[in-house]
Amino acid sequence: MTDLDQSTRISRAPAMIDADDGDEVLMLDPDTGRHIRLNPVAAEIWHLAAAPLTIAEVIAALLEMFDVEAEVCEREVFAFVRAAWDAGAIVVVDDTR
């Protein structure tokens, strides 16, 4: 796995299919048939990742939206990004192109 830090640029994996379900998001990986339900905070990260952005930008946006300590937010964002990466839902965007 790519090392992640706050400057890492991420985006949704293009193959993922998603649908809003209230304040949650349902995702489907059409290649594996795997379904994932995102809680409201993870759903916000998913919506933010519709266009490439840095992990720092994700954290900053969530700190504006939710009453959460910065350290907790950062830890949870990195945990979600790693899990989403492992599931093939998030990709790291290469800025060297």
PDB file of N, CA and C in Angstrom:
ATOM      1  N   MET A   1       0.835  -1.184   0.000  1.00  0.00           N
ATOM      2  CA  MET A   1       0.000   0.000   0.000  1.00  0.00           C
ATOM      3  C   MET A   1       0.874   1.239   0.000  1.00  0.00           C
ATOM      4  N   THR A   2       0.423   2.221  -0.685  1.00  0.00           N
ATOM      5  CA  THR A   2       1.079   3.517  -0.692  1.00  0.00           C
ATOM      6  C   THR A   2       1.070   4.093   0.715  1.00  0.00           C
ATOM      7  N   ASP A   3       2.190   4.713   1.111  1.00  0.00           N
ATOM      8  CA  ASP A   3       2.197   5.423   2.390  1.00  0.00           C
ATOM      9  C   ASP A   3       1.281   6.615   2.276  1.00  0.00           C
ATOM     10  N   LEU A   4       0.462   6.821   3.285  1.00  0.00           N
ATOM     11  CA  LEU A   4      -0.475   7.940   3.284  1.00  0.00           C
ATOM     12  C   LEU A   4      -0.011   9.006   4.259  1.00  0.00           C
ATOM     13  N   ASP A   5      -0.158  10.254   3.848  1.00  0.00           N
ATOM     14  CA  ASP A   5       0.024  11.367   4.766  1.00  0.00           C
ATOM     15  C   ASP A   5      -0.993  12.430   4.371  1.00  0.00           C
ATOM     16  N   GLN A   6      -0.987  13.549   5.060  1.00  0.00           N
ATOM     17  CA  GLN A   6      -2.022  14.544   4.803  1.00  0.00           C
ATOM     18  C   GLN A   6      -1.934  15.149   3.408  1.00  0.00           C
ATOM     19  N   SER A   7      -0.780  15.051   2.747  1.00  0.00           N
ATOM     20  CA  SER A   7      -0.653  15.608   1.396  1.00  0.00           C
ATOM     21  C   SER A   7      -1.076  14.624   0.304  1.00  0.00           C
ATOM     22  N   THR A   8      -1.388  13.379   0.688  1.00  0.00           N
ATOM     23  CA  THR A   8      -1.819  12.379  -0.283  1.00  0.00           C
ATOM     24  C   THR A   8      -3.143  12.798  -0.901  1.00  0.00           C
ATOM     25  N   ARG A   9      -3.199  12.758  -2.244  1.00  0.00           N
ATOM     26  CA  ARG A   9      -4.433  13.097  -2.965  1.00  0.00           C
ATOM     27  C   ARG A   9      -5.203  11.809  -3.238  1.00  0.00           C
ATOM     28  N   ILE A  10      -6.482  11.842  -2.887  1.00  0.00           N
ATOM     29  CA  ILE A  10      -7.339  10.670  -3.064  1.00  0.00           C
ATOM     30  C   ILE A  10      -8.557  11.031  -3.908  1.00  0.00           C
ATOM     31  N   SER A  11      -9.181   9.995  -4.423  1.00  0.00           N
ATOM     32  CA  SER A  11     -10.420  10.151  -5.171  1.00  0.00           C
ATOM     33  C   SER A  11     -11.162   8.819  -5.132  1.00  0.00           C
ATOM     34  N   ARG A  12     -12.429   8.871  -5.488  1.00  0.00           N
ATOM     35  CA  ARG A  12     -13.206   7.639  -5.588  1.00  0.00           C
ATOM     36  C   ARG A  12     -12.655   6.777  -6.717  1.00  0.00           C
ATOM     37  N   ALA A  13     -12.739   5.483  -6.546  1.00  0.00           N
ATOM     38  CA  ALA A  13     -12.413   4.564  -7.630  1.00  0.00           C
ATOM     39  C   ALA A  13     -13.545   4.653  -8.653  1.00  0.00           C
ATOM     40  N   PRO A  14     -13.207   4.832  -9.923  1.00  0.00           N
ATOM     41  CA  PRO A  14     -14.248   5.056 -10.935  1.00  0.00           C
ATOM     42  C   PRO A  14     -15.245   3.911 -11.101  1.00  0.00           C
ATOM     43  N   ALA A  15     -14.863   2.696 -10.780  1.00  0.00           N
ATOM     44  CA  ALA A  15     -15.757   1.556 -11.006  1.00  0.00           C
ATOM     45  C   ALA A  15     -16.861   1.440  -9.955  1.00  0.00           C
ATOM     46  N   MET A  16     -16.683   2.088  -8.815  1.00  0.00           N
ATOM     47  CA  MET A  16     -17.659   1.949  -7.734  1.00  0.00           C
ATOM     48  C   MET A  16     -18.988   2.595  -8.105  1.00  0.00           C
ATOM     49  N   ILE A  17     -20.070   1.915  -7.754  1.00  0.00           N
ATOM     50  CA  ILE A  17     -21.422   2.429  -7.945  1.00  0.00           C
ATOM     51  C   ILE A  17     -21.941   2.796  -6.563  1.00  0.00           C
ATOM     52  N   ASP A  18     -22.580   3.966  -6.454  1.00  0.00           N
ATOM     53  CA  ASP A  18     -23.052   4.381  -5.137  1.00  0.00           C
ATOM     54  C   ASP A  18     -24.438   4.999  -5.235  1.00  0.00           C
ATOM     55  N   ALA A  19     -25.118   4.997  -4.091  1.00  0.00           N
ATOM     56  CA  ALA A  19     -26.433   5.626  -3.988  1.00  0.00           C
ATOM     57  C   ALA A  19     -26.610   6.134  -2.564  1.00  0.00           C
ATOM     58  N   ASP A  20     -27.146   7.340  -2.462  1.00  0.00           N
ATOM     59  CA  ASP A  20     -27.454   7.892  -1.150  1.00  0.00           C
ATOM     60  C   ASP A  20     -28.667   7.174  -0.574  1.00  0.00           C
ATOM     61  N   ASP A  21     -28.605   6.926   0.727  1.00  0.00           N
ATOM     62  CA  ASP A  21     -29.711   6.302   1.460  1.00  0.00           C
ATOM     63  C   ASP A  21     -29.868   7.080   2.757  1.00  0.00           C
ATOM     64  N   GLY A  22     -30.612   8.177   2.682  1.00  0.00           N
ATOM     65  CA  GLY A  22     -30.696   9.081   3.823  1.00  0.00           C
ATOM     66  C   GLY A  22     -29.358   9.760   4.000  1.00  0.00           C
ATOM     67  N   ASP A  23     -28.796   9.678   5.213  1.00  0.00           N
ATOM     68  CA  ASP A  23     -27.489  10.284   5.436  1.00  0.00           C
ATOM     69  C   ASP A  23     -26.355   9.270   5.303  1.00  0.00           C
ATOM     70  N   GLU A  24     -26.674   8.093   4.815  1.00  0.00           N
ATOM     71  CA  GLU A  24     -25.675   7.060   4.557  1.00  0.00           C
ATOM     72  C   GLU A  24     -25.510   6.882   3.048  1.00  0.00           C
ATOM     73  N   VAL A  25     -24.487   6.132   2.662  1.00  0.00           N
ATOM     74  CA  VAL A  25     -24.260   5.815   1.257  1.00  0.00           C
ATOM     75  C   VAL A  25     -24.121   4.303   1.129  1.00  0.00           C
ATOM     76  N   LEU A  26     -24.768   3.762   0.118  1.00  0.00           N
ATOM     77  CA  LEU A  26     -24.603   2.352  -0.238  1.00  0.00           C
ATOM     78  C   LEU A  26     -23.676   2.297  -1.442  1.00  0.00           C
ATOM     79  N   MET A  27     -22.684   1.420  -1.371  1.00  0.00           N
ATOM     80  CA  MET A  27     -21.743   1.280  -2.480  1.00  0.00           C
ATOM     81  C   MET A  27     -21.731  -0.163  -2.951  1.00  0.00           C
ATOM     82  N   LEU A  28     -21.457  -0.317  -4.244  1.00  0.00           N
ATOM     83  CA  LEU A  28     -21.344  -1.637  -4.841  1.00  0.00           C
ATOM     84  C   LEU A  28     -20.103  -1.667  -5.713  1.00  0.00           C
ATOM     85  N   ASP A  29     -19.305  -2.687  -5.508  1.00  0.00           N
ATOM     86  CA  ASP A  29     -18.174  -2.941  -6.398  1.00  0.00           C
ATOM     87  C   ASP A  29     -18.680  -3.926  -7.447  1.00  0.00           C
ATOM     88  N   PRO A  30     -18.886  -3.464  -8.694  1.00  0.00           N
ATOM     89  CA  PRO A  30     -19.463  -4.356  -9.703  1.00  0.00           C
ATOM     90  C   PRO A  30     -18.546  -5.516 -10.079  1.00  0.00           C
ATOM     91  N   ASP A  31     -17.263  -5.381  -9.832  1.00  0.00           N
ATOM     92  CA  ASP A  31     -16.331  -6.464 -10.163  1.00  0.00           C
ATOM     93  C   ASP A  31     -16.430  -7.628  -9.185  1.00  0.00           C
ATOM     94  N   THR A  32     -16.694  -7.318  -7.910  1.00  0.00           N
ATOM     95  CA  THR A  32     -16.733  -8.371  -6.889  1.00  0.00           C
ATOM     96  C   THR A  32     -18.134  -8.641  -6.364  1.00  0.00           C
ATOM     97  N   GLY A  33     -19.069  -7.711  -6.593  1.00  0.00           N
ATOM     98  CA  GLY A  33     -20.404  -7.832  -6.047  1.00  0.00           C
ATOM     99  C   GLY A  33     -20.486  -7.440  -4.576  1.00  0.00           C
ATOM    100  N   ARG A  34     -19.381  -6.953  -4.037  1.00  0.00           N
ATOM    101  CA  ARG A  34     -19.331  -6.576  -2.623  1.00  0.00           C
ATOM    102  C   ARG A  34     -20.128  -5.296  -2.392  1.00  0.00           C
ATOM    103  N   HIS A  35     -20.974  -5.324  -1.351  1.00  0.00           N
ATOM    104  CA  HIS A  35     -21.763  -4.161  -0.949  1.00  0.00           C
ATOM    105  C   HIS A  35     -21.144  -3.553   0.302  1.00  0.00           C
ATOM    106  N   ILE A  36     -21.132  -2.232   0.382  1.00  0.00           N
ATOM    107  CA  ILE A  36     -20.615  -1.520   1.547  1.00  0.00           C
ATOM    108  C   ILE A  36     -21.618  -0.431   1.913  1.00  0.00           C
ATOM    109  N   ARG A  37     -21.940  -0.320   3.197  1.00  0.00           N
ATOM    110  CA  ARG A  37     -22.803   0.761   3.687  1.00  0.00           C
ATOM    111  C   ARG A  37     -21.923   1.700   4.503  1.00  0.00           C
ATOM    112  N   LEU A  38     -21.933   2.976   4.112  1.00  0.00           N
ATOM    113  CA  LEU A  38     -21.131   3.980   4.810  1.00  0.00           C
ATOM    114  C   LEU A  38     -21.980   4.739   5.813  1.00  0.00           C
ATOM    115  N   ASN A  39     -21.454   4.922   7.014  1.00  0.00           N
ATOM    116  CA  ASN A  39     -22.145   5.732   8.014  1.00  0.00           C
ATOM    117  C   ASN A  39     -22.103   7.202   7.584  1.00  0.00           C
ATOM    118  N   PRO A  40     -22.808   8.076   8.274  1.00  0.00           N
ATOM    119  CA  PRO A  40     -22.884   9.474   7.821  1.00  0.00           C
ATOM    120  C   PRO A  40     -21.530  10.186   7.666  1.00  0.00           C
ATOM    121  N   VAL A  41     -20.584   9.932   8.553  1.00  0.00           N
ATOM    122  CA  VAL A  41     -19.276  10.601   8.425  1.00  0.00           C
ATOM    123  C   VAL A  41     -18.501  10.028   7.241  1.00  0.00           C
ATOM    124  N   ALA A  42     -18.488   8.717   7.117  1.00  0.00           N
ATOM    125  CA  ALA A  42     -17.819   8.097   5.971  1.00  0.00           C
ATOM    126  C   ALA A  42     -18.490   8.528   4.667  1.00  0.00           C
ATOM    127  N   ALA A  43     -19.810   8.696   4.700  1.00  0.00           N
ATOM    128  CA  ALA A  43     -20.532   9.160   3.508  1.00  0.00           C
ATOM    129  C   ALA A  43     -20.072  10.557   3.112  1.00  0.00           C
ATOM    130  N   GLU A  44     -19.815  11.425   4.086  1.00  0.00           N
ATOM    131  CA  GLU A  44     -19.306  12.765   3.774  1.00  0.00           C
ATOM    132  C   GLU A  44     -17.931  12.681   3.115  1.00  0.00           C
ATOM    133  N   ILE A  45     -17.081  11.798   3.623  1.00  0.00           N
ATOM    134  CA  ILE A  45     -15.764  11.613   3.005  1.00  0.00           C
ATOM    135  C   ILE A  45     -15.949  11.144   1.563  1.00  0.00           C
ATOM    136  N   TRP A  46     -16.862  10.218   1.360  1.00  0.00           N
ATOM    137  CA  TRP A  46     -17.133   9.694   0.013  1.00  0.00           C
ATOM    138  C   TRP A  46     -17.590  10.814  -0.918  1.00  0.00           C
ATOM    139  N   HIS A  47     -18.491  11.666  -0.435  1.00  0.00           N
ATOM    140  CA  HIS A  47     -18.969  12.779  -1.258  1.00  0.00           C
ATOM    141  C   HIS A  47     -17.818  13.743  -1.576  1.00  0.00           C
ATOM    142  N   LEU A  48     -16.982  14.032  -0.590  1.00  0.00           N
ATOM    143  CA  LEU A  48     -15.839  14.929  -0.815  1.00  0.00           C
ATOM    144  C   LEU A  48     -14.885  14.354  -1.863  1.00  0.00           C
ATOM    145  N   ALA A  49     -14.725  13.041  -1.878  1.00  0.00           N
ATOM    146  CA  ALA A  49     -13.776  12.396  -2.783  1.00  0.00           C
ATOM    147  C   ALA A  49     -14.304  12.238  -4.202  1.00  0.00           C
ATOM    148  N   ALA A  50     -15.420  12.875  -4.512  1.00  0.00           N
ATOM    149  CA  ALA A  50     -15.938  12.838  -5.886  1.00  0.00           C
ATOM    150  C   ALA A  50     -14.941  13.480  -6.845  1.00  0.00           C
ATOM    151  N   ALA A  51     -14.178  14.432  -6.355  1.00  0.00           N
ATOM    152  CA  ALA A  51     -13.086  15.052  -7.116  1.00  0.00           C
ATOM    153  C   ALA A  51     -11.820  14.876  -6.280  1.00  0.00           C
ATOM    154  N   PRO A  52     -10.668  14.739  -6.931  1.00  0.00           N
ATOM    155  CA  PRO A  52      -9.437  14.537  -6.166  1.00  0.00           C
ATOM    156  C   PRO A  52      -9.193  15.667  -5.156  1.00  0.00           C
ATOM    157  N   LEU A  53      -8.781  15.256  -3.965  1.00  0.00           N
ATOM    158  CA  LEU A  53      -8.420  16.222  -2.929  1.00  0.00           C
ATOM    159  C   LEU A  53      -7.456  15.556  -1.973  1.00  0.00           C
ATOM    160  N   THR A  54      -6.769  16.362  -1.177  1.00  0.00           N
ATOM    161  CA  THR A  54      -5.814  15.804  -0.225  1.00  0.00           C
ATOM    162  C   THR A  54      -6.534  15.334   1.029  1.00  0.00           C
ATOM    163  N   ILE A  55      -5.871  14.464   1.744  1.00  0.00           N
ATOM    164  CA  ILE A  55      -6.416  14.016   3.020  1.00  0.00           C
ATOM    165  C   ILE A  55      -6.538  15.204   3.966  1.00  0.00           C
ATOM    166  N   ALA A  56      -5.608  16.149   3.904  1.00  0.00           N
ATOM    167  CA  ALA A  56      -5.696  17.358   4.735  1.00  0.00           C
ATOM    168  C   ALA A  56      -6.972  18.136   4.416  1.00  0.00           C
ATOM    169  N   GLU A  57      -7.348  18.207   3.148  1.00  0.00           N
ATOM    170  CA  GLU A  57      -8.581  18.903   2.762  1.00  0.00           C
ATOM    171  C   GLU A  57      -9.814  18.170   3.292  1.00  0.00           C
ATOM    172  N   VAL A  58      -9.774  16.850   3.290  1.00  0.00           N
ATOM    173  CA  VAL A  58     -10.876  16.066   3.851  1.00  0.00           C
ATOM    174  C   VAL A  58     -11.014  16.370   5.338  1.00  0.00           C
ATOM    175  N   ILE A  59      -9.897  16.331   6.047  1.00  0.00           N
ATOM    176  CA  ILE A  59      -9.916  16.587   7.490  1.00  0.00           C
ATOM    177  C   ILE A  59     -10.454  17.985   7.773  1.00  0.00           C
ATOM    178  N   ALA A  60      -9.955  18.980   7.051  1.00  0.00           N
ATOM    179  CA  ALA A  60     -10.407  20.364   7.264  1.00  0.00           C
ATOM    180  C   ALA A  60     -11.909  20.495   7.033  1.00  0.00           C
ATOM    181  N   ALA A  61     -12.415  19.862   5.984  1.00  0.00           N
ATOM    182  CA  ALA A  61     -13.850  19.942   5.687  1.00  0.00           C
ATOM    183  C   ALA A  61     -14.676  19.294   6.800  1.00  0.00           C
ATOM    184  N   LEU A  62     -14.231  18.143   7.287  1.00  0.00           N
ATOM    185  CA  LEU A  62     -14.975  17.452   8.339  1.00  0.00           C
ATOM    186  C   LEU A  62     -14.935  18.226   9.656  1.00  0.00           C
ATOM    187  N   LEU A  63     -13.821  18.879   9.938  1.00  0.00           N
ATOM    188  CA  LEU A  63     -13.732  19.690  11.153  1.00  0.00           C
ATOM    189  C   LEU A  63     -14.715  20.848  11.106  1.00  0.00           C
ATOM    190  N   GLU A  64     -15.023  21.344   9.895  1.00  0.00           N
ATOM    191  CA  GLU A  64     -16.024  22.400   9.746  1.00  0.00           C
ATOM    192  C   GLU A  64     -17.442  21.858   9.908  1.00  0.00           C
ATOM    193  N   MET A  65     -17.661  20.609   9.502  1.00  0.00           N
ATOM    194  CA  MET A  65     -19.004  20.014   9.512  1.00  0.00           C
ATOM    195  C   MET A  65     -19.410  19.408  10.851  1.00  0.00           C
ATOM    196  N   PHE A  66     -18.428  18.856  11.569  1.00  0.00           N
ATOM    197  CA  PHE A  66     -18.738  18.077  12.763  1.00  0.00           C
ATOM    198  C   PHE A  66     -18.003  18.636  13.983  1.00  0.00           C
ATOM    199  N   ASP A  67     -18.599  18.434  15.135  1.00  0.00           N
ATOM    200  CA  ASP A  67     -17.989  18.822  16.396  1.00  0.00           C
ATOM    201  C   ASP A  67     -17.097  17.665  16.849  1.00  0.00           C
ATOM    202  N   VAL A  68     -15.842  17.709  16.417  1.00  0.00           N
ATOM    203  CA  VAL A  68     -14.908  16.621  16.693  1.00  0.00           C
ATOM    204  C   VAL A  68     -13.522  17.218  16.902  1.00  0.00           C
ATOM    205  N   GLU A  69     -12.736  16.590  17.759  1.00  0.00           N
ATOM    206  CA  GLU A  69     -11.362  17.035  17.980  1.00  0.00           C
ATOM    207  C   GLU A  69     -10.522  16.689  16.755  1.00  0.00           C
ATOM    208  N   ALA A  70      -9.577  17.545  16.434  1.00  0.00           N
ATOM    209  CA  ALA A  70      -8.749  17.374  15.239  1.00  0.00           C
ATOM    210  C   ALA A  70      -8.019  16.035  15.232  1.00  0.00           C
ATOM    211  N   GLU A  71      -7.481  15.639  16.373  1.00  0.00           N
ATOM    212  CA  GLU A  71      -6.737  14.375  16.446  1.00  0.00           C
ATOM    213  C   GLU A  71      -7.645  13.182  16.159  1.00  0.00           C
ATOM    214  N   VAL A  72      -8.842  13.207  16.710  1.00  0.00           N
ATOM    215  CA  VAL A  72      -9.806  12.126  16.478  1.00  0.00           C
ATOM    216  C   VAL A  72     -10.214  12.104  15.012  1.00  0.00           C
ATOM    217  N   CYS A  73     -10.488  13.260  14.455  1.00  0.00           N
ATOM    218  CA  CYS A  73     -10.881  13.364  13.051  1.00  0.00           C
ATOM    219  C   CYS A  73      -9.789  12.801  12.146  1.00  0.00           C
ATOM    220  N   GLU A  74      -8.565  13.216  12.383  1.00  0.00           N
ATOM    221  CA  GLU A  74      -7.446  12.738  11.559  1.00  0.00           C
ATOM    222  C   GLU A  74      -7.317  11.227  11.644  1.00  0.00           C
ATOM    223  N   ARG A  75      -7.376  10.686  12.839  1.00  0.00           N
ATOM    224  CA  ARG A  75      -7.249   9.236  13.022  1.00  0.00           C
ATOM    225  C   ARG A  75      -8.361   8.493  12.275  1.00  0.00           C
ATOM    226  N   GLU A  76      -9.590   8.992  12.393  1.00  0.00           N
ATOM    227  CA  GLU A  76     -10.720   8.333  11.746  1.00  0.00           C
ATOM    228  C   GLU A  76     -10.674   8.458  10.221  1.00  0.00           C
ATOM    229  N   VAL A  77     -10.234   9.611   9.718  1.00  0.00           N
ATOM    230  CA  VAL A  77     -10.113   9.782   8.267  1.00  0.00           C
ATOM    231  C   VAL A  77      -9.085   8.812   7.718  1.00  0.00           C
ATOM    232  N   PHE A  78      -7.918   8.733   8.359  1.00  0.00           N
ATOM    233  CA  PHE A  78      -6.896   7.802   7.878  1.00  0.00           C
ATOM    234  C   PHE A  78      -7.395   6.360   7.945  1.00  0.00           C
ATOM    235  N   ALA A  79      -8.130   6.000   8.994  1.00  0.00           N
ATOM    236  CA  ALA A  79      -8.670   4.641   9.100  1.00  0.00           C
ATOM    237  C   ALA A  79      -9.643   4.362   7.961  1.00  0.00           C
ATOM    238  N   PHE A  80     -10.534   5.330   7.660  1.00  0.00           N
ATOM    239  CA  PHE A  80     -11.481   5.134   6.569  1.00  0.00           C
ATOM    240  C   PHE A  80     -10.762   5.025   5.230  1.00  0.00           C
ATOM    241  N   VAL A  81      -9.812   5.917   4.973  1.00  0.00           N
ATOM    242  CA  VAL A  81      -9.109   5.907   3.684  1.00  0.00           C
ATOM    243  C   VAL A  81      -8.363   4.590   3.500  1.00  0.00           C
ATOM    244  N   ARG A  82      -7.717   4.107   4.547  1.00  0.00           N
ATOM    245  CA  ARG A  82      -7.009   2.820   4.433  1.00  0.00           C
ATOM    246  C   ARG A  82      -7.989   1.677   4.148  1.00  0.00           C
ATOM    247  N   ALA A  83      -9.104   1.664   4.859  1.00  0.00           N
ATOM    248  CA  ALA A  83     -10.106   0.603   4.646  1.00  0.00           C
ATOM    249  C   ALA A  83     -10.711   0.700   3.248  1.00  0.00           C
ATOM    250  N   ALA A  84     -11.015   1.925   2.815  1.00  0.00           N
ATOM    251  CA  ALA A  84     -11.582   2.117   1.476  1.00  0.00           C
ATOM    252  C   ALA A  84     -10.576   1.748   0.403  1.00  0.00           C
ATOM    253  N   TRP A  85      -9.298   2.046   0.660  1.00  0.00           N
ATOM    254  CA  TRP A  85      -8.225   1.653  -0.279  1.00  0.00           C
ATOM    255  C   TRP A  85      -8.182   0.129  -0.386  1.00  0.00           C
ATOM    256  N   ASP A  86      -8.197  -0.548   0.761  1.00  0.00           N
ATOM    257  CA  ASP A  86      -8.156  -2.013   0.779  1.00  0.00           C
ATOM    258  C   ASP A  86      -9.352  -2.617   0.048  1.00  0.00           C
ATOM    259  N   ALA A  87     -10.497  -1.936   0.126  1.00  0.00           N
ATOM    260  CA  ALA A  87     -11.718  -2.424  -0.531  1.00  0.00           C
ATOM    261  C   ALA A  87     -11.774  -2.037  -2.010  1.00  0.00           C
ATOM    262  N   GLY A  88     -10.801  -1.237  -2.462  1.00  0.00           N
ATOM    263  CA  GLY A  88     -10.789  -0.810  -3.862  1.00  0.00           C
ATOM    264  C   GLY A  88     -11.731   0.349  -4.154  1.00  0.00           C
ATOM    265  N   ALA A  89     -12.235   1.013  -3.098  1.00  0.00           N
ATOM    266  CA  ALA A  89     -13.204   2.102  -3.295  1.00  0.00           C
ATOM    267  C   ALA A  89     -12.542   3.462  -3.466  1.00  0.00           C
ATOM    268  N   ILE A  90     -11.338   3.628  -2.934  1.00  0.00           N
ATOM    269  CA  ILE A  90     -10.588   4.884  -3.000  1.00  0.00           C
ATOM    270  C   ILE A  90      -9.272   4.614  -3.716  1.00  0.00           C
ATOM    271  N   VAL A  91      -8.858   5.556  -4.535  1.00  0.00           N
ATOM    272  CA  VAL A  91      -7.566   5.455  -5.194  1.00  0.00           C
ATOM    273  C   VAL A  91      -6.714   6.662  -4.812  1.00  0.00           C
ATOM    274  N   VAL A  92      -5.410   6.459  -4.850  1.00  0.00           N
ATOM    275  CA  VAL A  92      -4.471   7.555  -4.658  1.00  0.00           C
ATOM    276  C   VAL A  92      -4.209   8.168  -6.014  1.00  0.00           C
ATOM    277  N   VAL A  93      -4.333   9.484  -6.103  1.00  0.00           N
ATOM    278  CA  VAL A  93      -4.170  10.201  -7.356  1.00  0.00           C
ATOM    279  C   VAL A  93      -2.719  10.599  -7.490  1.00  0.00           C
ATOM    280  N   ASP A  94      -2.105  10.253  -8.596  1.00  0.00           N
ATOM    281  CA  ASP A  94      -0.707  10.567  -8.849  1.00  0.00           C
ATOM    282  C   ASP A  94      -0.609  11.960  -9.468  1.00  0.00           C
ATOM    283  N   ASP A  95       0.002  12.884  -8.745  1.00  0.00           N
ATOM    284  CA  ASP A  95       0.148  14.257  -9.233  1.00  0.00           C
ATOM    285  C   ASP A  95       1.338  14.448 -10.158  1.00  0.00           C
ATOM    286  N   THR A  96       2.092  13.390 -10.416  1.00  0.00           N
ATOM    287  CA  THR A  96       3.305  13.562 -11.220  1.00  0.00           C
ATOM    288  C   THR A  96       3.033  13.431 -12.708  1.00  0.00           C
ATOM    289  N   ARG A  97       1.780  13.218 -13.087  1.00  0.00           N
ATOM    290  CA  ARG A  97       1.458  13.068 -14.509  1.00  0.00           C
ATOM    291  C   ARG A  97       1.577  14.375 -15.236  1.00  0.00           C
TER     292      ARG A  97
END
